[in-house]
Amino acid sequence: MIGVIANAADNEVVQEFFELFKTPWEYCRRSRNYDVVLDCGGSDSGIATCAKLCISYANPKGNSKVRQSVGRMLLYHGRQLPIYRDCDLFPASTDPFVVDQVTQQSAGYIERKGESTKAHIGFNLFHEIRYLLTIGQPAANAAIPALELHIALLRNLIVANGILLTEIPPVPEGYKFIACLTHDVDHPSIRQHKFDHTVLGFLLRATIGTLAGFLSGRTSLRKLLKNWVAAIKLPLVSLGLAKDFWRDFDRQYLAIEGGLPSTFFVIPFKNRPGQMANGSAPEFRSAGYGAREIADSIKNVHKSGCEVGLHGIDAWCDSSAGLREMSEIRKVTGDQLIGIRMHWLYFDEASPQHLEDAGAAYDSTVGYNETVGYRAGTTQVYKLLGTHHLLELPLHVMDTAMFYPTHMGLSLPEAKKALEGILDNAAEFGGCITVNWHDRSLAPERLWDDTYRVLLNELKARGAWCVTASQAVSWFQHRRSIAFPSDNAGSAITDLSNSPQLSSTVA
């Protein structure tokens, strides 16, 4: 059992942290002895002196040589760990286990006295967790699973001191990690667009863009020919005399995924650009379709075991608009529980409450438009702070982020390398990788099917549990519902029988 000392203002963050690091804990009681005390409250209550291990975060009493700075890059076991709030250094300390990347000075060290051990750490753990789960990491640090590293640091300190630790890991029994394949449905028909900016962009990328890619060695001859043929056929497609090569997105994904369930986020209403924080969104944000116009595709994926969610327009800033958008998806699918991902990933600090008030079953918006990685620093589903129950399934990989020249602009080998890093972290830390491959990304002019096939094969080879977004969220909901006994650390945890894929580990 871990005893926690923290400021009352951090209670929500403390509770959420221990849903992610699922191990027995409680707020410190003077009447009880603990093997581990985690002190994040700047308190010198005396409770910690009875513990075998006291971990003191941001509580450097009596050290006159501490240097404080907001934001540092630390090194822990050779890995970068960004710190976004205040961080102290301990220049005179010995036995450091975490250091500043630039100065190599200690940001965490061990002090041993008799049978007790004290670990001094220069930042406040719960302030860092709050930052990650609300503001999130800048794109420059996207590749670092910072929250998972905070958990690993704490876990390793406990286990290294020979203390028994019971934990429910964030991974189903028998699998390495969870994977959610999702698809934002933005342009299910090129015929609908007539000759607007979408069609113009298609023509430029299919002809000049593909040729430039071929000449630079980044695009294959096969893609060049397919795109040029599609561009030549476009007038016939517009007249209804040739097949609309964007229209079969449902059958294409069902075929390439080979029975793996996936989630399709669908826009409710056509020709609605929606709102930005400072006024109307640009007109080209609007979609040329509404959910009812692709009801046949929705029913096709639905009957194949896939999920349909809401690709929201204004739900992020207006709960009443969110209710209307949810209702439109319910009318087409017949499902009552609808998850959401905002179009263009619109989101701000008030969005969690708007989405909860709109009745979202979960959200999957927190990610990057411009890169891949961990905005919230984690692969785990977490509760959005400030809400009662709304869970976030964070987004980690998006095709447009990887391949658009204005974003990462990766070649196929470069994309494989970026995906390998994400997969390696998932194998190490567990959790869920959430992937977004757009509806038109298998068709001309994108033709990003090669990379998607590589990803699917890697997920299978690495033992991922591939599920819909709602299934992944449900697994984490069940994990979160598990309660530990309060008086006998290390004893059996309650009720794992309802989920054969949930297990505990003891270290």
Protein backbone atom coordinates (compact mmCIF):
# COMPACT_ATOMS: atom_id res chain seq x y z
CA MET A 1 0.00 0.00 0.00
CA ILE A 2 1.24 3.45 -0.95
CA GLY A 3 0.46 6.32 1.41
CA VAL A 4 0.02 9.63 -0.39
CA ILE A 5 0.52 13.15 0.92
CA ALA A 6 -0.80 15.77 -1.48
CA ASN A 7 -2.46 19.15 -1.56
CA ALA A 8 -6.25 19.07 -1.56
CA ALA A 9 -6.28 21.00 -4.85
CA ASP A 10 -4.63 17.99 -6.51
CA ASN A 11 -7.16 15.39 -5.34
CA GLU A 12 -8.70 14.79 -8.77
CA VAL A 13 -5.28 14.39 -10.37
CA VAL A 14 -4.09 12.05 -7.59
CA GLN A 15 -7.12 9.83 -8.07
CA GLU A 16 -6.69 9.77 -11.84
CA PHE A 17 -2.99 8.99 -11.60
CA PHE A 18 -3.75 5.90 -9.54
CA GLU A 19 -6.32 4.77 -12.09
CA LEU A 20 -3.47 4.79 -14.60
CA PHE A 21 -0.91 3.32 -12.18
CA LYS A 22 -3.41 0.77 -10.89
CA THR A 23 -1.95 -0.23 -7.53
CA PRO A 24 -3.19 -0.04 -3.91
CA TRP A 25 -2.94 3.42 -2.36
CA GLU A 26 -4.64 5.77 0.06
CA TYR A 27 -4.10 9.18 1.60
CA CYS A 28 -1.73 8.88 4.54
CA ARG A 29 -3.22 8.15 7.93
CA ARG A 30 -1.19 8.75 11.09
CA SER A 31 -2.56 5.54 12.59
CA ARG A 32 -0.98 3.41 9.90
CA ASN A 33 2.51 2.43 8.82
CA TYR A 34 3.30 2.25 5.10
CA ASP A 35 6.00 0.56 3.10
CA VAL A 36 5.92 3.52 0.71
CA VAL A 37 5.00 7.15 1.28
CA LEU A 38 4.68 9.44 -1.71
CA ASP A 39 4.98 13.04 -0.51
CA CYS A 40 3.83 15.65 -3.05
CA GLY A 41 2.40 18.06 -0.53
CA GLY A 42 5.46 19.95 0.67
CA SER A 43 4.51 18.54 4.07
CA ASP A 44 6.83 17.45 6.88
CA SER A 45 4.15 15.67 8.85
CA GLY A 46 6.40 12.95 10.26
CA ILE A 47 4.37 10.21 8.65
CA ALA A 48 7.13 9.54 6.15
CA THR A 49 9.70 8.71 8.82
CA CYS A 50 7.95 5.39 9.52
CA ALA A 51 8.04 4.27 5.88
CA LYS A 52 10.60 1.92 4.41
CA LEU A 53 10.67 4.18 1.34
CA CYS A 54 9.69 7.83 1.22
CA ILE A 55 9.53 9.44 -2.22
CA SER A 56 9.57 13.20 -1.84
CA TYR A 57 8.55 15.15 -4.93
CA ALA A 58 9.38 18.88 -5.11
CA ASN A 59 10.12 19.04 -1.39
CA PRO A 60 13.86 19.87 -1.17
CA LYS A 61 14.03 21.05 2.44
CA GLY A 62 17.33 22.46 3.63
CA ASN A 63 19.17 22.30 0.31
CA SER A 64 20.48 25.80 -0.33
CA LYS A 65 22.01 24.86 -3.69
CA VAL A 66 18.75 23.95 -5.41
CA ARG A 67 18.20 25.73 -8.73
CA GLN A 68 14.64 26.05 -9.93
CA SER A 69 13.45 26.39 -13.51
CA VAL A 70 10.15 26.00 -15.35
CA GLY A 71 10.51 23.28 -17.97
CA ARG A 72 13.47 20.96 -18.29
CA MET A 73 14.43 17.90 -20.27
CA LEU A 74 15.59 15.20 -17.89
CA LEU A 75 17.20 11.85 -18.55
CA TYR A 76 15.91 8.75 -16.79
CA HIS A 77 17.53 5.39 -17.61
CA GLY A 78 18.83 6.95 -20.82
CA ARG A 79 15.39 8.15 -21.92
CA GLN A 80 14.22 11.72 -22.20
CA LEU A 81 11.61 12.83 -19.67
CA PRO A 82 10.25 16.36 -20.26
CA ILE A 83 9.20 18.37 -17.22
CA TYR A 84 6.72 21.15 -17.93
CA ARG A 85 6.32 22.84 -14.53
CA ASP A 86 8.88 23.83 -11.87
CA CYS A 87 11.88 21.56 -11.54
CA ASP A 88 14.70 21.72 -8.97
CA LEU A 89 18.24 20.45 -9.39
CA PHE A 90 20.48 19.10 -6.63
CA PRO A 91 24.05 19.90 -7.74
CA ALA A 92 25.71 18.58 -4.57
CA SER A 93 23.84 15.30 -4.39
CA THR A 94 25.29 11.84 -4.90
CA ASP A 95 23.62 8.67 -6.21
CA PRO A 96 21.40 10.44 -8.80
CA PHE A 97 18.88 8.37 -10.76
CA VAL A 98 17.48 11.17 -12.93
CA VAL A 99 19.55 14.08 -14.29
CA ASP A 100 19.15 17.27 -16.28
CA GLN A 101 19.97 16.57 -19.94
CA VAL A 102 21.96 19.79 -20.41
CA THR A 103 23.87 20.18 -17.15
CA GLN A 104 23.93 16.51 -16.09
CA GLN A 105 23.09 17.69 -12.57
CA SER A 106 20.82 15.58 -10.41
CA ALA A 107 17.09 16.11 -10.51
CA GLY A 108 16.51 13.07 -8.32
CA TYR A 109 18.74 11.26 -5.85
CA ILE A 110 18.64 8.58 -3.16
CA GLU A 111 19.40 9.13 0.52
CA ARG A 112 19.75 6.04 2.69
CA LYS A 113 19.61 6.08 6.50
CA GLY A 114 19.68 2.74 8.26
CA GLU A 115 16.78 0.62 7.06
CA SER A 116 14.89 3.55 5.52
CA THR A 117 15.39 5.13 2.11
CA LYS A 118 14.36 8.55 0.89
CA ALA A 119 14.17 9.50 -2.78
CA HIS A 120 14.28 13.24 -3.49
CA ILE A 121 12.79 14.31 -6.83
CA GLY A 122 12.88 17.90 -8.01
CA PHE A 123 9.45 18.20 -9.63
CA ASN A 124 5.88 17.77 -8.43
CA LEU A 125 4.48 14.57 -9.91
CA PHE A 126 0.84 15.61 -9.79
CA HIS A 127 1.49 19.01 -11.33
CA GLU A 128 3.14 17.20 -14.25
CA ILE A 129 0.22 14.79 -14.60
CA ARG A 130 -2.27 17.66 -14.58
CA TYR A 131 -0.30 19.43 -17.32
CA LEU A 132 -0.19 16.30 -19.50
CA LEU A 133 -3.90 15.53 -19.13
CA THR A 134 -5.06 19.10 -19.78
CA ILE A 135 -2.60 21.21 -21.79
CA GLY A 136 -0.68 18.29 -23.27
CA GLN A 137 2.76 18.03 -24.80
CA PRO A 138 4.04 20.27 -27.60
CA ALA A 139 4.64 18.58 -30.94
CA ALA A 140 8.41 18.72 -30.37
CA ASN A 141 8.04 16.16 -27.55
CA ALA A 142 5.29 14.09 -29.17
CA ALA A 143 7.41 10.93 -29.42
CA ILE A 144 7.92 10.74 -25.63
CA PRO A 145 5.33 8.79 -23.58
CA ALA A 146 5.98 11.11 -20.64
CA LEU A 147 3.13 9.97 -18.39
CA GLU A 148 4.12 6.32 -18.79
CA LEU A 149 7.70 7.23 -17.87
CA HIS A 150 6.47 8.92 -14.68
CA ILE A 151 4.69 5.69 -13.77
CA ALA A 152 7.76 3.61 -14.65
CA LEU A 153 10.01 5.83 -12.51
CA LEU A 154 7.76 5.42 -9.47
CA ARG A 155 7.27 1.70 -10.03
CA ASN A 156 11.01 1.09 -10.43
CA LEU A 157 11.85 2.99 -7.24
CA ILE A 158 9.45 0.85 -5.26
CA VAL A 159 10.50 -2.49 -6.72
CA ALA A 160 14.23 -1.67 -6.52
CA ASN A 161 13.84 -1.28 -2.76
CA GLY A 162 12.45 -4.79 -2.41
CA ILE A 163 8.88 -3.71 -1.72
CA LEU A 164 5.98 -5.89 -2.85
CA LEU A 165 3.86 -4.14 -5.46
CA THR A 166 0.49 -5.39 -6.69
CA GLU A 167 -0.60 -3.84 -9.97
CA ILE A 168 -3.19 -4.32 -12.69
CA PRO A 169 -1.22 -3.50 -15.86
CA PRO A 170 -2.87 -1.56 -18.70
CA VAL A 171 -2.86 -4.54 -21.03
CA PRO A 172 -5.25 -7.48 -21.47
CA GLU A 173 -3.98 -10.89 -20.42
CA GLY A 174 -2.54 -12.76 -23.39
CA TYR A 175 -1.86 -9.63 -25.45
CA LYS A 176 1.01 -7.17 -25.70
CA PHE A 177 -1.23 -4.10 -26.08
CA ILE A 178 -4.54 -2.91 -27.53
CA ALA A 179 -4.97 -1.36 -30.97
CA CYS A 180 -7.90 0.70 -32.25
CA LEU A 181 -8.22 1.17 -36.00
CA THR A 182 -10.32 4.25 -36.68
CA HIS A 183 -11.37 6.17 -39.77
CA ASP A 184 -12.54 9.77 -40.02
CA VAL A 185 -15.05 9.92 -42.87
CA ASP A 186 -14.51 13.37 -44.42
CA HIS A 187 -14.93 12.86 -48.18
CA PRO A 188 -16.90 9.69 -49.03
CA SER A 189 -17.57 10.82 -52.61
CA ILE A 190 -15.53 12.93 -55.00
CA ARG A 191 -18.59 13.34 -57.26
CA GLN A 192 -20.31 15.39 -54.56
CA HIS A 193 -17.60 18.04 -54.69
CA LYS A 194 -18.08 19.11 -58.31
CA PHE A 195 -15.15 21.49 -58.92
CA ASP A 196 -14.40 22.92 -55.47
CA HIS A 197 -11.16 23.26 -53.50
CA THR A 198 -11.19 19.53 -52.66
CA VAL A 199 -11.27 18.51 -56.32
CA LEU A 200 -8.67 21.12 -57.25
CA GLY A 201 -6.37 19.82 -54.52
CA PHE A 202 -6.95 16.28 -55.73
CA LEU A 203 -5.96 17.17 -59.28
CA LEU A 204 -2.82 19.02 -58.23
CA ARG A 205 -1.63 16.21 -55.95
CA ALA A 206 -2.63 13.42 -58.37
CA THR A 207 -0.73 14.97 -61.29
CA ILE A 208 2.03 17.42 -60.40
CA GLY A 209 2.45 16.21 -56.84
CA THR A 210 2.69 12.55 -57.77
CA LEU A 211 5.11 13.28 -60.60
CA ALA A 212 7.35 15.25 -58.25
CA GLY A 213 7.25 12.37 -55.79
CA PHE A 214 8.13 9.88 -58.50
CA LEU A 215 11.07 11.95 -59.77
CA SER A 216 12.42 12.28 -56.22
CA GLY A 217 12.12 8.54 -55.61
CA ARG A 218 9.44 8.90 -52.92
CA THR A 219 6.54 7.63 -55.07
CA SER A 220 6.34 4.37 -57.02
CA LEU A 221 5.51 4.04 -60.71
CA ARG A 222 2.36 2.12 -59.76
CA LYS A 223 1.05 5.09 -57.74
CA LEU A 224 1.99 7.53 -60.48
CA LEU A 225 0.00 5.58 -63.08
CA LYS A 226 -3.01 5.01 -60.81
CA ASN A 227 -3.21 8.68 -59.91
CA TRP A 228 -2.89 9.88 -63.48
CA VAL A 229 -5.59 7.45 -64.65
CA ALA A 230 -7.86 8.70 -61.83
CA ALA A 231 -7.24 12.33 -62.84
CA ILE A 232 -8.07 11.57 -66.48
CA LYS A 233 -11.29 9.78 -65.45
CA LEU A 234 -12.44 12.55 -63.11
CA PRO A 235 -14.75 14.28 -65.69
CA LEU A 236 -16.47 10.95 -66.33
CA VAL A 237 -16.81 10.36 -62.57
CA SER A 238 -18.39 13.80 -62.16
CA LEU A 239 -20.91 13.00 -64.90
CA GLY A 240 -21.78 9.65 -63.36
CA LEU A 241 -20.25 7.73 -66.29
CA ALA A 242 -17.38 6.21 -64.30
CA LYS A 243 -17.02 4.74 -60.83
CA ASP A 244 -16.58 7.18 -57.93
CA PHE A 245 -13.27 5.90 -56.57
CA TRP A 246 -13.82 7.49 -53.13
CA ARG A 247 -17.28 5.97 -52.67
CA ASP A 248 -16.22 2.42 -51.77
CA PHE A 249 -14.32 3.35 -48.60
CA ASP A 250 -16.37 0.90 -46.49
CA ARG A 251 -15.73 -2.13 -48.71
CA GLN A 252 -12.07 -1.19 -49.13
CA TYR A 253 -11.46 -1.06 -45.38
CA LEU A 254 -13.45 -4.19 -44.64
CA ALA A 255 -11.34 -6.00 -47.23
CA ILE A 256 -7.93 -4.72 -46.17
CA GLU A 257 -8.61 -5.18 -42.45
CA GLY A 258 -9.67 -8.78 -43.00
CA GLY A 259 -12.19 -9.07 -40.20
CA LEU A 260 -10.48 -6.79 -37.68
CA PRO A 261 -13.11 -4.50 -36.14
CA SER A 262 -12.68 -0.77 -36.62
CA THR A 263 -14.48 2.49 -35.85
CA PHE A 264 -15.78 4.98 -38.42
CA PHE A 265 -16.40 8.56 -37.27
CA VAL A 266 -19.10 10.09 -39.47
CA ILE A 267 -20.06 13.76 -39.98
CA PRO A 268 -23.74 14.38 -39.12
CA PHE A 269 -24.68 17.32 -41.37
CA LYS A 270 -23.45 18.51 -44.76
CA ASN A 271 -22.24 22.01 -45.62
CA ARG A 272 -21.73 23.11 -42.02
CA PRO A 273 -18.23 24.47 -41.28
CA GLY A 274 -19.06 25.04 -37.62
CA GLN A 275 -17.43 27.38 -35.13
CA MET A 276 -13.90 28.23 -34.12
CA ALA A 277 -13.05 29.78 -30.76
CA ASN A 278 -13.09 33.26 -32.32
CA GLY A 279 -15.93 32.94 -34.83
CA SER A 280 -17.01 30.85 -37.79
CA ALA A 281 -14.67 28.17 -39.09
CA PRO A 282 -13.46 28.45 -42.71
CA GLU A 283 -16.00 27.31 -45.25
CA PHE A 284 -13.77 24.52 -46.54
CA ARG A 285 -14.06 22.78 -43.17
CA SER A 286 -17.60 21.82 -44.09
CA ALA A 287 -18.23 18.35 -45.51
CA GLY A 288 -20.08 17.65 -48.73
CA TYR A 289 -22.22 14.95 -47.13
CA GLY A 290 -24.30 14.16 -44.07
CA ALA A 291 -24.65 10.82 -42.27
CA ARG A 292 -27.99 9.98 -43.90
CA GLU A 293 -26.45 10.25 -47.38
CA ILE A 294 -24.05 7.38 -46.68
CA ALA A 295 -26.52 5.26 -44.71
CA ASP A 296 -25.79 2.26 -46.92
CA SER A 297 -22.07 2.40 -46.07
CA ILE A 298 -22.82 2.91 -42.39
CA LYS A 299 -25.09 -0.13 -42.34
CA ASN A 300 -22.48 -2.16 -44.21
CA VAL A 301 -19.71 -1.52 -41.67
CA HIS A 302 -22.14 -1.84 -38.79
CA LYS A 303 -23.31 -5.31 -39.76
CA SER A 304 -19.67 -6.35 -40.22
CA GLY A 305 -18.94 -5.81 -36.54
CA CYS A 306 -17.51 -2.32 -36.85
CA GLU A 307 -18.53 0.74 -34.87
CA VAL A 308 -19.90 4.07 -36.07
CA GLY A 309 -19.23 7.21 -34.05
CA LEU A 310 -19.75 10.95 -34.43
CA HIS A 311 -17.24 13.13 -36.27
CA GLY A 312 -18.41 16.24 -34.48
CA ILE A 313 -18.76 19.75 -35.87
CA ASP A 314 -19.69 22.01 -32.95
CA ALA A 315 -20.01 19.54 -30.06
CA TRP A 316 -16.60 20.67 -28.77
CA CYS A 317 -17.92 24.16 -27.93
CA ASP A 318 -21.71 23.74 -27.65
CA SER A 319 -23.37 20.86 -25.82
CA SER A 320 -26.78 21.53 -27.36
CA ALA A 321 -25.22 21.32 -30.84
CA GLY A 322 -23.54 18.12 -29.68
CA LEU A 323 -26.90 16.67 -28.67
CA ARG A 324 -28.27 17.35 -32.17
CA GLU A 325 -25.19 15.84 -33.81
CA MET A 326 -25.37 12.73 -31.61
CA SER A 327 -29.06 12.36 -32.38
CA GLU A 328 -28.38 12.36 -36.12
CA ILE A 329 -25.91 9.47 -35.79
CA ARG A 330 -28.32 7.56 -33.57
CA LYS A 331 -31.04 7.86 -36.20
CA VAL A 332 -28.82 6.22 -38.81
CA THR A 333 -27.18 3.52 -36.64
CA GLY A 334 -29.85 2.76 -34.07
CA ASP A 335 -27.13 2.80 -31.39
CA GLN A 336 -27.70 4.82 -28.23
CA LEU A 337 -24.10 4.98 -27.02
CA ILE A 338 -22.13 7.13 -29.46
CA GLY A 339 -18.46 8.00 -29.15
CA ILE A 340 -17.00 11.14 -30.68
CA ARG A 341 -13.96 12.56 -32.39
CA MET A 342 -14.07 16.21 -33.38
CA HIS A 343 -13.57 17.19 -37.01
CA TRP A 344 -10.12 18.82 -37.39
CA LEU A 345 -9.51 17.80 -33.74
CA TYR A 346 -11.10 20.99 -32.41
CA PHE A 347 -10.81 20.99 -28.61
CA ASP A 348 -10.26 23.42 -25.74
CA GLU A 349 -10.35 23.43 -21.94
CA ALA A 350 -14.17 23.63 -21.88
CA SER A 351 -14.68 20.81 -24.40
CA PRO A 352 -14.70 17.90 -21.91
CA GLN A 353 -17.74 19.31 -20.09
CA HIS A 354 -19.54 20.15 -23.36
CA LEU A 355 -19.00 16.62 -24.65
CA GLU A 356 -20.10 15.02 -21.39
CA ASP A 357 -23.23 17.19 -21.33
CA ALA A 358 -23.95 16.13 -24.91
CA GLY A 359 -23.95 12.50 -23.80
CA ALA A 360 -20.80 11.26 -25.55
CA ALA A 361 -19.96 7.67 -24.64
CA TYR A 362 -16.27 8.58 -24.91
CA ASP A 363 -14.04 11.04 -26.75
CA SER A 364 -11.10 10.32 -29.05
CA THR A 365 -9.97 13.80 -30.08
CA VAL A 366 -6.80 14.39 -28.05
CA GLY A 367 -3.95 14.00 -30.53
CA TYR A 368 -1.95 15.93 -33.10
CA ASN A 369 -2.84 17.20 -36.56
CA GLU A 370 0.81 17.79 -37.43
CA THR A 371 2.71 14.80 -36.02
CA VAL A 372 2.31 11.38 -34.39
CA GLY A 373 2.78 10.57 -30.73
CA TYR A 374 1.46 11.22 -27.26
CA ARG A 375 -0.20 14.58 -26.65
CA ALA A 376 -1.31 13.43 -23.19
CA GLY A 377 1.90 11.42 -22.72
CA THR A 378 0.05 8.12 -22.48
CA THR A 379 -1.38 5.15 -24.37
CA GLN A 380 -4.01 4.65 -21.67
CA VAL A 381 -7.64 5.66 -21.66
CA TYR A 382 -8.08 8.34 -18.99
CA LYS A 383 -10.83 10.46 -17.48
CA LEU A 384 -10.95 14.00 -18.78
CA LEU A 385 -10.34 16.23 -15.77
CA GLY A 386 -13.32 18.31 -14.73
CA THR A 387 -15.88 15.74 -15.87
CA HIS A 388 -17.76 13.13 -13.86
CA HIS A 389 -17.09 10.12 -16.05
CA LEU A 390 -16.13 11.01 -19.65
CA LEU A 391 -13.16 8.94 -20.79
CA GLU A 392 -10.61 9.92 -23.42
CA LEU A 393 -9.19 7.42 -25.90
CA PRO A 394 -6.16 9.41 -27.06
CA LEU A 395 -5.19 9.49 -30.74
CA HIS A 396 -1.59 8.53 -31.57
CA VAL A 397 -1.18 7.97 -35.31
CA MET A 398 -2.86 9.85 -38.15
CA ASP A 399 -2.07 9.28 -41.82
CA THR A 400 -2.31 12.93 -42.89
CA ALA A 401 0.10 13.95 -40.13
CA MET A 402 2.67 11.49 -41.42
CA PHE A 403 2.36 12.08 -45.16
CA TYR A 404 1.23 15.65 -45.81
CA PRO A 405 4.21 17.75 -46.94
CA THR A 406 3.04 20.58 -44.68
CA HIS A 407 3.28 18.22 -41.68
CA MET A 408 5.84 15.38 -41.34
CA GLY A 409 6.02 14.61 -45.07
CA LEU A 410 7.35 11.08 -44.52
CA SER A 411 8.32 8.55 -47.15
CA LEU A 412 7.19 4.94 -46.72
CA PRO A 413 10.46 3.85 -44.99
CA GLU A 414 10.32 6.90 -42.74
CA ALA A 415 6.70 6.18 -41.85
CA LYS A 416 7.62 2.58 -40.98
CA LYS A 417 10.31 3.86 -38.61
CA ALA A 418 7.91 6.29 -36.93
CA LEU A 419 5.36 3.50 -36.47
CA GLU A 420 8.01 1.17 -35.05
CA GLY A 421 8.68 3.64 -32.26
CA ILE A 422 4.99 3.79 -31.37
CA LEU A 423 4.69 0.00 -31.47
CA ASP A 424 7.84 -0.51 -29.37
CA ASN A 425 6.49 1.79 -26.67
CA ALA A 426 3.15 -0.04 -26.69
CA ALA A 427 4.92 -3.36 -26.22
CA GLU A 428 6.84 -1.89 -23.27
CA PHE A 429 4.10 0.07 -21.51
CA GLY A 430 0.86 -1.56 -22.69
CA GLY A 431 -2.21 0.59 -23.20
CA CYS A 432 -3.90 1.25 -26.52
CA ILE A 433 -2.54 2.60 -29.81
CA THR A 434 -5.24 4.56 -31.62
CA VAL A 435 -4.78 4.92 -35.38
CA ASN A 436 -6.71 7.19 -37.74
CA TRP A 437 -6.64 6.32 -41.45
CA HIS A 438 -9.07 8.58 -43.32
CA ASP A 439 -11.84 7.27 -45.57
CA ARG A 440 -10.15 8.30 -48.86
CA SER A 441 -6.60 7.32 -47.87
CA LEU A 442 -6.68 3.96 -49.68
CA ALA A 443 -7.88 5.58 -52.92
CA PRO A 444 -6.32 7.96 -55.46
CA GLU A 445 -4.60 10.42 -54.95
CA ARG A 446 -3.33 9.35 -51.54
CA LEU A 447 -2.89 5.59 -52.05
CA TRP A 448 -1.52 5.12 -48.54
CA ASP A 449 -2.58 1.48 -48.48
CA ASP A 450 1.02 0.17 -48.46
CA THR A 451 1.79 1.75 -45.10
CA TYR A 452 -1.55 0.68 -43.69
CA ARG A 453 -0.91 -2.93 -44.69
CA VAL A 454 2.50 -2.76 -43.01
CA LEU A 455 0.85 -1.45 -39.85
CA LEU A 456 -1.84 -4.15 -39.85
CA ASN A 457 0.76 -6.88 -40.29
CA GLU A 458 2.86 -5.44 -37.47
CA LEU A 459 -0.13 -5.32 -35.13
CA LYS A 460 -0.85 -8.97 -35.79
CA ALA A 461 2.81 -10.00 -35.50
CA ARG A 462 3.27 -8.13 -32.22
CA GLY A 463 0.23 -9.67 -30.54
CA ALA A 464 -2.07 -6.66 -30.39
CA TRP A 465 -5.70 -7.01 -29.35
CA CYS A 466 -7.52 -5.17 -32.16
CA VAL A 467 -10.91 -3.83 -31.09
CA THR A 468 -13.30 -0.98 -31.74
CA ALA A 469 -12.91 2.26 -29.83
CA SER A 470 -15.89 1.48 -27.60
CA GLN A 471 -14.51 -1.97 -26.81
CA ALA A 472 -11.15 -0.51 -25.80
CA VAL A 473 -12.85 2.08 -23.60
CA SER A 474 -15.01 -0.65 -22.03
CA TRP A 475 -11.93 -2.68 -21.14
CA PHE A 476 -10.39 0.31 -19.38
CA GLN A 477 -13.70 1.07 -17.65
CA HIS A 478 -13.67 -2.41 -16.17
CA ARG A 479 -10.04 -2.04 -15.09
CA ARG A 480 -10.92 1.27 -13.45
CA SER A 481 -13.83 -0.35 -11.58
CA ILE A 482 -11.55 -2.77 -9.72
CA ALA A 483 -11.13 -1.87 -6.04
CA PHE A 484 -8.27 -2.95 -3.81
CA PRO A 485 -8.76 -3.98 -0.17
CA SER A 486 -7.83 -1.08 2.08
CA ASP A 487 -6.24 -2.93 4.99
CA ASN A 488 -4.11 -5.75 3.63
CA ALA A 489 -1.65 -4.70 0.96
CA GLY A 490 -0.79 -7.49 -1.43
CA SER A 491 -4.00 -9.47 -0.85
CA ALA A 492 -6.26 -10.54 -3.66
CA ILE A 493 -8.00 -7.78 -5.59
CA THR A 494 -11.73 -7.76 -6.05
CA ASP A 495 -13.67 -9.34 -8.91
CA LEU A 496 -11.62 -10.11 -11.96
CA SER A 497 -14.08 -12.83 -12.97
CA ASN A 498 -16.11 -10.65 -15.34
CA SER A 499 -13.12 -10.04 -17.60
CA PRO A 500 -10.90 -13.04 -18.41
CA GLN A 501 -8.57 -10.62 -20.18
CA LEU A 502 -7.83 -8.66 -16.99
CA SER A 503 -5.05 -9.80 -14.68
CA SER A 504 -2.83 -8.53 -11.90
CA THR A 505 0.93 -8.68 -11.51
CA VAL A 506 3.00 -8.73 -8.35
CA ALA A 507 6.54 -7.37 -8.38
